[in-house]
């Protein structure tokens, strides 16, 4: 099985097919990462909720506990974990925004290249090839008759 070579016989055809590939890859490539990041956000959000609930429990316990310093240390550790999870969540959301920007940019660029390539290909090349083929067919029809 041979790998097809890119169309280099015509610049417009090459531009049009390149635009098509950019459009396809701008959907396929980031979508995988968006789904993965969505799972990470869900996990981090669940961890944040768990930590918040545990902090509330420890604060209620520390009020009635004579060993206040141990409970305070646990609360501080959990609050640090909460801050870390929030930072991870913010970074993940920033990455999601970047991926959405990448998708939109790929769509716009792909569509622009496709439009330019296909329209130029048709208007400057294909019309003339069709006319030439029509003339050859007419000539062969006249020869047979």
N, C-alpha and C. Protein backbone atom coordinates (compact mmCIF):
# COMPACT_ATOMS: atom_id res chain seq x y z
N UNK A 1 0.85 -1.18 0.00
CA UNK A 1 0.00 0.00 0.00
C UNK A 1 0.89 1.24 0.00
N UNK A 2 0.63 2.15 -0.90
CA UNK A 2 1.43 3.37 -0.99
C UNK A 2 0.70 4.54 -0.36
N UNK A 3 1.47 5.42 0.21
CA UNK A 3 0.90 6.63 0.81
C UNK A 3 0.71 7.65 -0.30
N UNK A 4 -0.49 8.24 -0.40
CA UNK A 4 -0.71 9.21 -1.47
C UNK A 4 0.14 10.46 -1.24
N UNK A 5 0.67 10.97 -2.34
CA UNK A 5 1.48 12.19 -2.23
C UNK A 5 0.56 13.41 -2.32
N UNK A 6 0.97 14.51 -1.69
CA UNK A 6 0.13 15.71 -1.74
C UNK A 6 0.08 16.25 -3.17
N UNK A 7 -1.01 16.89 -3.53
CA UNK A 7 -1.16 17.40 -4.89
C UNK A 7 -0.25 18.61 -5.11
N UNK A 8 0.80 18.41 -5.85
CA UNK A 8 1.72 19.50 -6.12
C UNK A 8 1.64 19.98 -7.57
N UNK A 9 0.70 19.42 -8.32
CA UNK A 9 0.57 19.82 -9.72
C UNK A 9 -0.09 21.19 -9.87
N UNK A 10 -0.80 21.62 -8.82
CA UNK A 10 -1.52 22.88 -8.91
C UNK A 10 -1.50 23.53 -7.52
N UNK A 11 -1.06 24.76 -7.46
CA UNK A 11 -0.96 25.47 -6.18
C UNK A 11 -2.33 25.63 -5.53
N UNK A 12 -3.35 25.94 -6.31
CA UNK A 12 -4.68 26.16 -5.74
C UNK A 12 -5.24 24.87 -5.14
N UNK A 13 -5.00 23.78 -5.80
CA UNK A 13 -5.45 22.48 -5.29
C UNK A 13 -4.74 22.18 -3.97
N UNK A 14 -3.45 22.45 -3.92
CA UNK A 14 -2.66 22.23 -2.71
C UNK A 14 -3.18 23.09 -1.56
N UNK A 15 -3.47 24.36 -1.83
CA UNK A 15 -4.00 25.26 -0.80
C UNK A 15 -5.36 24.77 -0.31
N UNK A 16 -6.22 24.35 -1.22
CA UNK A 16 -7.56 23.88 -0.84
C UNK A 16 -7.49 22.63 0.03
N UNK A 17 -6.66 21.69 -0.35
CA UNK A 17 -6.55 20.45 0.44
C UNK A 17 -5.86 20.71 1.77
N UNK A 18 -4.90 21.62 1.78
CA UNK A 18 -4.27 22.01 3.05
C UNK A 18 -5.29 22.63 3.99
N UNK A 19 -6.15 23.49 3.47
CA UNK A 19 -7.21 24.09 4.29
C UNK A 19 -8.15 23.04 4.84
N UNK A 20 -8.47 22.05 4.03
CA UNK A 20 -9.34 20.96 4.48
C UNK A 20 -8.69 20.19 5.62
N UNK A 21 -7.41 19.88 5.48
CA UNK A 21 -6.69 19.15 6.54
C UNK A 21 -6.59 19.97 7.81
N UNK A 22 -6.32 21.27 7.68
CA UNK A 22 -6.28 22.14 8.87
C UNK A 22 -7.62 22.15 9.57
N UNK A 23 -8.69 22.23 8.81
CA UNK A 23 -10.04 22.22 9.39
C UNK A 23 -10.30 20.92 10.14
N UNK A 24 -9.94 19.80 9.55
CA UNK A 24 -10.17 18.50 10.20
C UNK A 24 -9.34 18.37 11.47
N UNK A 25 -8.05 18.71 11.39
CA UNK A 25 -7.18 18.57 12.56
C UNK A 25 -7.51 19.58 13.66
N UNK A 26 -8.08 20.73 13.29
CA UNK A 26 -8.43 21.70 14.33
C UNK A 26 -9.58 21.19 15.17
N UNK A 27 -10.37 20.26 14.65
CA UNK A 27 -11.42 19.62 15.46
C UNK A 27 -10.88 18.40 16.21
N UNK A 28 -10.17 17.55 15.50
CA UNK A 28 -9.78 16.25 16.06
C UNK A 28 -8.73 16.37 17.16
N UNK A 29 -7.69 17.13 16.94
CA UNK A 29 -6.59 17.19 17.89
C UNK A 29 -7.00 17.78 19.24
N UNK A 30 -7.56 18.98 19.30
CA UNK A 30 -7.89 19.56 20.62
C UNK A 30 -9.05 18.86 21.32
N UNK A 31 -9.94 18.23 20.58
CA UNK A 31 -11.10 17.59 21.20
C UNK A 31 -10.68 16.52 22.19
N UNK A 32 -9.65 15.77 21.86
CA UNK A 32 -9.14 14.74 22.76
C UNK A 32 -8.69 15.36 24.08
N UNK A 33 -7.96 16.46 24.00
CA UNK A 33 -7.47 17.11 25.21
C UNK A 33 -8.59 17.78 25.99
N UNK A 34 -9.58 18.31 25.29
CA UNK A 34 -10.70 18.95 25.98
C UNK A 34 -11.46 17.92 26.81
N UNK A 35 -11.68 16.74 26.27
CA UNK A 35 -12.37 15.70 27.03
C UNK A 35 -11.54 15.28 28.25
N UNK A 36 -10.24 15.15 28.06
CA UNK A 36 -9.36 14.78 29.16
C UNK A 36 -9.36 15.85 30.25
N UNK A 37 -9.29 17.12 29.85
CA UNK A 37 -9.29 18.21 30.81
C UNK A 37 -10.64 18.33 31.53
N UNK A 38 -11.71 18.01 30.83
CA UNK A 38 -13.03 18.01 31.47
C UNK A 38 -13.09 17.01 32.61
N UNK A 39 -12.50 15.85 32.40
CA UNK A 39 -12.44 14.84 33.47
C UNK A 39 -11.61 15.35 34.64
N UNK A 40 -10.49 16.01 34.34
CA UNK A 40 -9.63 16.55 35.40
C UNK A 40 -10.37 17.61 36.21
N UNK A 41 -11.13 18.47 35.52
CA UNK A 41 -11.90 19.50 36.24
C UNK A 41 -12.93 18.86 37.15
N UNK A 42 -13.59 17.83 36.66
CA UNK A 42 -14.60 17.15 37.49
C UNK A 42 -13.94 16.52 38.72
N UNK A 43 -12.80 15.87 38.53
CA UNK A 43 -12.09 15.27 39.66
C UNK A 43 -11.63 16.32 40.67
N UNK A 44 -11.08 17.42 40.16
CA UNK A 44 -10.60 18.48 41.04
C UNK A 44 -11.76 19.14 41.78
N UNK A 45 -12.87 19.33 41.11
CA UNK A 45 -14.03 19.92 41.76
C UNK A 45 -14.55 19.01 42.86
N UNK A 46 -14.55 17.72 42.62
CA UNK A 46 -14.97 16.77 43.66
C UNK A 46 -13.99 16.80 44.83
N UNK A 47 -12.70 16.90 44.56
CA UNK A 47 -11.71 16.98 45.64
C UNK A 47 -11.88 18.26 46.44
N UNK A 48 -12.18 19.35 45.77
CA UNK A 48 -12.41 20.63 46.46
C UNK A 48 -13.61 20.51 47.40
N UNK A 49 -14.69 19.92 46.91
CA UNK A 49 -15.88 19.76 47.75
C UNK A 49 -15.58 18.88 48.97
N UNK A 50 -14.81 17.83 48.76
CA UNK A 50 -14.45 16.93 49.87
C UNK A 50 -13.60 17.67 50.90
N UNK A 51 -12.63 18.44 50.43
CA UNK A 51 -11.77 19.18 51.35
C UNK A 51 -12.57 20.22 52.13
N UNK A 52 -13.46 20.92 51.46
CA UNK A 52 -14.30 21.92 52.15
C UNK A 52 -15.14 21.26 53.24
N UNK A 53 -15.73 20.11 52.93
CA UNK A 53 -16.54 19.42 53.91
C UNK A 53 -15.69 18.97 55.10
N UNK A 54 -14.50 18.47 54.81
CA UNK A 54 -13.61 18.02 55.88
C UNK A 54 -13.15 19.19 56.75
N UNK A 55 -12.90 20.35 56.14
CA UNK A 55 -12.53 21.54 56.92
C UNK A 55 -13.66 21.91 57.88
N UNK A 56 -14.88 21.90 57.40
CA UNK A 56 -16.03 22.21 58.27
C UNK A 56 -16.13 21.22 59.42
N UNK A 57 -15.92 19.94 59.12
CA UNK A 57 -15.97 18.93 60.19
C UNK A 57 -14.89 19.18 61.23
N UNK A 58 -13.68 19.47 60.77
CA UNK A 58 -12.59 19.70 61.71
C UNK A 58 -12.80 20.97 62.53
N UNK A 59 -13.37 22.00 61.92
CA UNK A 59 -13.65 23.22 62.67
C UNK A 59 -14.69 22.98 63.75
N UNK A 60 -15.66 22.13 63.45
CA UNK A 60 -16.66 21.79 64.47
C UNK A 60 -16.03 20.96 65.58
N UNK A 61 -15.14 20.06 65.21
CA UNK A 61 -14.47 19.20 66.21
C UNK A 61 -13.52 20.03 67.08
N UNK A 62 -12.81 20.97 66.48
CA UNK A 62 -11.80 21.72 67.24
C UNK A 62 -12.42 22.59 68.32
N UNK A 63 -13.66 22.98 68.14
CA UNK A 63 -14.33 23.80 69.16
C UNK A 63 -14.50 23.02 70.46
N UNK A 64 -14.75 21.74 70.36
CA UNK A 64 -14.97 20.94 71.55
C UNK A 64 -13.77 20.13 71.97
N UNK A 65 -12.62 20.31 71.31
CA UNK A 65 -11.44 19.49 71.60
C UNK A 65 -10.42 20.30 72.39
N UNK A 66 -9.89 19.70 73.49
CA UNK A 66 -8.87 20.43 74.25
C UNK A 66 -7.54 20.51 73.48
N UNK A 67 -7.28 19.54 72.58
CA UNK A 67 -6.03 19.55 71.80
C UNK A 67 -6.26 20.37 70.53
N UNK A 68 -6.34 21.64 70.74
CA UNK A 68 -6.71 22.59 69.68
C UNK A 68 -5.62 22.69 68.61
N UNK A 69 -4.36 22.59 68.95
CA UNK A 69 -3.27 22.82 68.00
C UNK A 69 -3.21 21.74 66.92
N UNK A 70 -3.50 20.49 67.27
CA UNK A 70 -3.49 19.41 66.27
C UNK A 70 -4.61 19.61 65.25
N UNK A 71 -5.77 19.96 65.75
CA UNK A 71 -6.90 20.19 64.86
C UNK A 71 -6.65 21.40 63.95
N UNK A 72 -6.03 22.44 64.52
CA UNK A 72 -5.71 23.63 63.73
C UNK A 72 -4.71 23.29 62.63
N UNK A 73 -3.76 22.43 62.94
CA UNK A 73 -2.77 21.99 61.94
C UNK A 73 -3.44 21.22 60.81
N UNK A 74 -4.39 20.35 61.17
CA UNK A 74 -5.12 19.60 60.14
C UNK A 74 -5.93 20.54 59.24
N UNK A 75 -6.57 21.51 59.86
CA UNK A 75 -7.36 22.48 59.09
C UNK A 75 -6.45 23.26 58.15
N UNK A 76 -5.31 23.70 58.63
CA UNK A 76 -4.37 24.45 57.78
C UNK A 76 -3.86 23.60 56.63
N UNK A 77 -3.56 22.32 56.88
CA UNK A 77 -3.13 21.42 55.81
C UNK A 77 -4.21 21.26 54.75
N UNK A 78 -5.44 21.08 55.20
CA UNK A 78 -6.54 20.92 54.24
C UNK A 78 -6.79 22.20 53.46
N UNK A 79 -6.63 23.35 54.12
CA UNK A 79 -6.82 24.61 53.40
C UNK A 79 -5.73 24.79 52.35
N UNK A 80 -4.52 24.37 52.64
CA UNK A 80 -3.44 24.43 51.64
C UNK A 80 -3.76 23.52 50.47
N UNK A 81 -4.30 22.34 50.77
CA UNK A 81 -4.69 21.41 49.71
C UNK A 81 -5.81 22.02 48.86
N UNK A 82 -6.73 22.70 49.50
CA UNK A 82 -7.84 23.35 48.81
C UNK A 82 -7.32 24.43 47.86
N UNK A 83 -6.38 25.24 48.35
CA UNK A 83 -5.80 26.29 47.51
C UNK A 83 -5.08 25.67 46.31
N UNK A 84 -4.34 24.60 46.54
CA UNK A 84 -3.63 23.91 45.46
C UNK A 84 -4.61 23.37 44.42
N UNK A 85 -5.73 22.77 44.87
CA UNK A 85 -6.73 22.26 43.94
C UNK A 85 -7.38 23.39 43.15
N UNK A 86 -7.61 24.53 43.80
CA UNK A 86 -8.19 25.68 43.08
C UNK A 86 -7.23 26.18 42.02
N UNK A 87 -5.94 26.22 42.34
CA UNK A 87 -4.94 26.67 41.36
C UNK A 87 -4.90 25.70 40.18
N UNK A 88 -4.93 24.40 40.46
CA UNK A 88 -4.94 23.41 39.38
C UNK A 88 -6.17 23.58 38.51
N UNK A 89 -7.31 23.84 39.14
CA UNK A 89 -8.55 24.03 38.39
C UNK A 89 -8.45 25.27 37.50
N UNK A 90 -7.90 26.36 38.01
CA UNK A 90 -7.75 27.59 37.22
C UNK A 90 -6.82 27.37 36.03
N UNK A 91 -5.72 26.65 36.25
CA UNK A 91 -4.79 26.38 35.16
C UNK A 91 -5.44 25.50 34.09
N UNK A 92 -6.23 24.55 34.52
CA UNK A 92 -6.93 23.68 33.57
C UNK A 92 -7.93 24.48 32.74
N UNK A 93 -8.63 25.40 33.38
CA UNK A 93 -9.60 26.23 32.66
C UNK A 93 -8.88 27.14 31.66
N UNK A 94 -7.73 27.69 32.05
CA UNK A 94 -6.96 28.51 31.11
C UNK A 94 -6.53 27.69 29.89
N UNK A 95 -6.12 26.45 30.14
CA UNK A 95 -5.74 25.58 29.03
C UNK A 95 -6.94 25.27 28.13
N UNK A 96 -8.11 25.11 28.74
CA UNK A 96 -9.33 24.89 27.93
C UNK A 96 -9.61 26.09 27.04
N UNK A 97 -9.47 27.29 27.59
CA UNK A 97 -9.69 28.49 26.78
C UNK A 97 -8.70 28.54 25.61
N UNK A 98 -7.45 28.17 25.87
CA UNK A 98 -6.46 28.15 24.81
C UNK A 98 -6.84 27.14 23.72
N UNK A 99 -7.32 25.97 24.14
CA UNK A 99 -7.70 24.95 23.15
C UNK A 99 -8.91 25.41 22.33
N UNK A 100 -9.87 26.07 22.98
CA UNK A 100 -11.01 26.59 22.22
C UNK A 100 -10.55 27.67 21.23
N UNK A 101 -9.61 28.51 21.64
CA UNK A 101 -9.05 29.51 20.74
C UNK A 101 -8.36 28.83 19.56
N UNK A 102 -7.64 27.74 19.85
CA UNK A 102 -6.96 26.99 18.79
C UNK A 102 -7.98 26.40 17.81
N UNK A 103 -9.08 25.89 18.33
CA UNK A 103 -10.11 25.33 17.45
C UNK A 103 -10.69 26.41 16.55
N UNK A 104 -11.07 27.55 17.14
CA UNK A 104 -11.68 28.63 16.36
C UNK A 104 -10.70 29.14 15.30
N UNK A 105 -9.44 29.32 15.70
CA UNK A 105 -8.43 29.78 14.74
C UNK A 105 -8.26 28.78 13.61
N UNK A 106 -8.22 27.50 13.94
CA UNK A 106 -8.08 26.46 12.91
C UNK A 106 -9.26 26.43 11.96
N UNK A 107 -10.46 26.60 12.51
CA UNK A 107 -11.66 26.61 11.66
C UNK A 107 -11.62 27.79 10.70
N UNK A 108 -11.32 28.97 11.23
CA UNK A 108 -11.30 30.17 10.37
C UNK A 108 -10.21 30.05 9.31
N UNK A 109 -9.02 29.64 9.73
CA UNK A 109 -7.92 29.52 8.77
C UNK A 109 -8.21 28.43 7.74
N UNK A 110 -8.73 27.29 8.20
CA UNK A 110 -9.04 26.20 7.28
C UNK A 110 -10.10 26.59 6.26
N UNK A 111 -11.17 27.23 6.74
CA UNK A 111 -12.23 27.65 5.83
C UNK A 111 -11.74 28.70 4.83
N UNK A 112 -10.91 29.63 5.30
CA UNK A 112 -10.38 30.66 4.39
C UNK A 112 -9.51 30.03 3.31
N UNK A 113 -8.62 29.12 3.71
CA UNK A 113 -7.77 28.45 2.72
C UNK A 113 -8.59 27.59 1.77
N UNK A 114 -9.58 26.89 2.30
CA UNK A 114 -10.43 26.07 1.44
C UNK A 114 -11.16 26.93 0.42
N UNK A 115 -11.76 28.04 0.88
CA UNK A 115 -12.49 28.90 -0.04
C UNK A 115 -11.57 29.47 -1.11
N UNK A 116 -10.44 29.99 -0.67
CA UNK A 116 -9.49 30.58 -1.62
C UNK A 116 -9.00 29.53 -2.62
N UNK A 117 -8.58 28.38 -2.11
CA UNK A 117 -8.03 27.35 -2.99
C UNK A 117 -9.05 26.78 -3.95
N UNK A 118 -10.21 26.39 -3.43
CA UNK A 118 -11.23 25.79 -4.31
C UNK A 118 -11.78 26.79 -5.32
N UNK A 119 -12.01 28.03 -4.87
CA UNK A 119 -12.56 29.01 -5.83
C UNK A 119 -11.54 29.34 -6.92
N UNK A 120 -10.28 29.55 -6.55
CA UNK A 120 -9.25 29.83 -7.56
C UNK A 120 -9.02 28.62 -8.46
N UNK A 121 -9.03 27.46 -7.88
CA UNK A 121 -8.84 26.24 -8.65
C UNK A 121 -9.93 26.13 -9.71
N UNK A 122 -11.17 26.35 -9.29
CA UNK A 122 -12.28 26.23 -10.23
C UNK A 122 -12.23 27.34 -11.28
N UNK A 123 -12.08 28.59 -10.82
CA UNK A 123 -12.16 29.72 -11.75
C UNK A 123 -10.97 29.83 -12.69
N UNK A 124 -9.79 29.48 -12.24
CA UNK A 124 -8.59 29.68 -13.06
C UNK A 124 -8.09 28.42 -13.76
N UNK A 125 -8.54 27.25 -13.29
CA UNK A 125 -8.01 26.01 -13.87
C UNK A 125 -9.13 25.14 -14.41
N UNK A 126 -10.07 24.79 -13.56
CA UNK A 126 -11.06 23.76 -13.91
C UNK A 126 -11.97 24.20 -15.05
N UNK A 127 -12.37 25.44 -15.10
CA UNK A 127 -13.24 25.91 -16.19
C UNK A 127 -12.54 25.70 -17.53
N UNK A 128 -11.27 26.02 -17.59
CA UNK A 128 -10.52 25.87 -18.86
C UNK A 128 -10.33 24.40 -19.21
N UNK A 129 -10.09 23.56 -18.21
CA UNK A 129 -9.96 22.13 -18.48
C UNK A 129 -11.29 21.54 -18.97
N UNK A 130 -12.39 21.98 -18.39
CA UNK A 130 -13.71 21.51 -18.83
C UNK A 130 -13.99 21.96 -20.26
N UNK A 131 -13.64 23.18 -20.58
CA UNK A 131 -13.85 23.70 -21.93
C UNK A 131 -13.00 22.92 -22.94
N UNK A 132 -11.77 22.63 -22.57
CA UNK A 132 -10.88 21.86 -23.44
C UNK A 132 -11.43 20.45 -23.66
N UNK A 133 -11.90 19.83 -22.61
CA UNK A 133 -12.48 18.49 -22.72
C UNK A 133 -13.75 18.51 -23.58
N UNK A 134 -14.55 19.54 -23.43
CA UNK A 134 -15.77 19.68 -24.23
C UNK A 134 -15.42 19.83 -25.71
N UNK A 135 -14.39 20.61 -26.01
CA UNK A 135 -13.96 20.79 -27.40
C UNK A 135 -13.42 19.50 -27.99
N UNK A 136 -12.65 18.74 -27.20
CA UNK A 136 -12.13 17.46 -27.68
C UNK A 136 -13.27 16.48 -27.96
N UNK A 137 -14.26 16.46 -27.07
CA UNK A 137 -15.40 15.56 -27.27
C UNK A 137 -16.17 15.96 -28.52
N UNK A 138 -16.35 17.24 -28.73
CA UNK A 138 -17.06 17.73 -29.92
C UNK A 138 -16.26 17.38 -31.18
N UNK A 139 -14.94 17.50 -31.12
CA UNK A 139 -14.09 17.19 -32.27
C UNK A 139 -14.17 15.70 -32.59
N UNK A 140 -14.12 14.83 -31.58
CA UNK A 140 -14.21 13.39 -31.81
C UNK A 140 -15.61 13.00 -32.34
N UNK A 141 -16.62 13.68 -31.90
CA UNK A 141 -17.97 13.40 -32.37
C UNK A 141 -18.11 13.79 -33.83
N UNK A 142 -17.48 14.90 -34.22
CA UNK A 142 -17.53 15.33 -35.60
C UNK A 142 -16.71 14.41 -36.51
N UNK A 143 -15.61 13.87 -36.00
CA UNK A 143 -14.79 12.94 -36.79
C UNK A 143 -15.55 11.66 -37.06
N UNK A 144 -16.29 11.18 -36.11
CA UNK A 144 -17.04 9.91 -36.28
C UNK A 144 -18.20 10.07 -37.24
N UNK A 145 -18.74 11.25 -37.34
CA UNK A 145 -19.90 11.39 -38.22
C UNK A 145 -19.53 11.77 -39.61
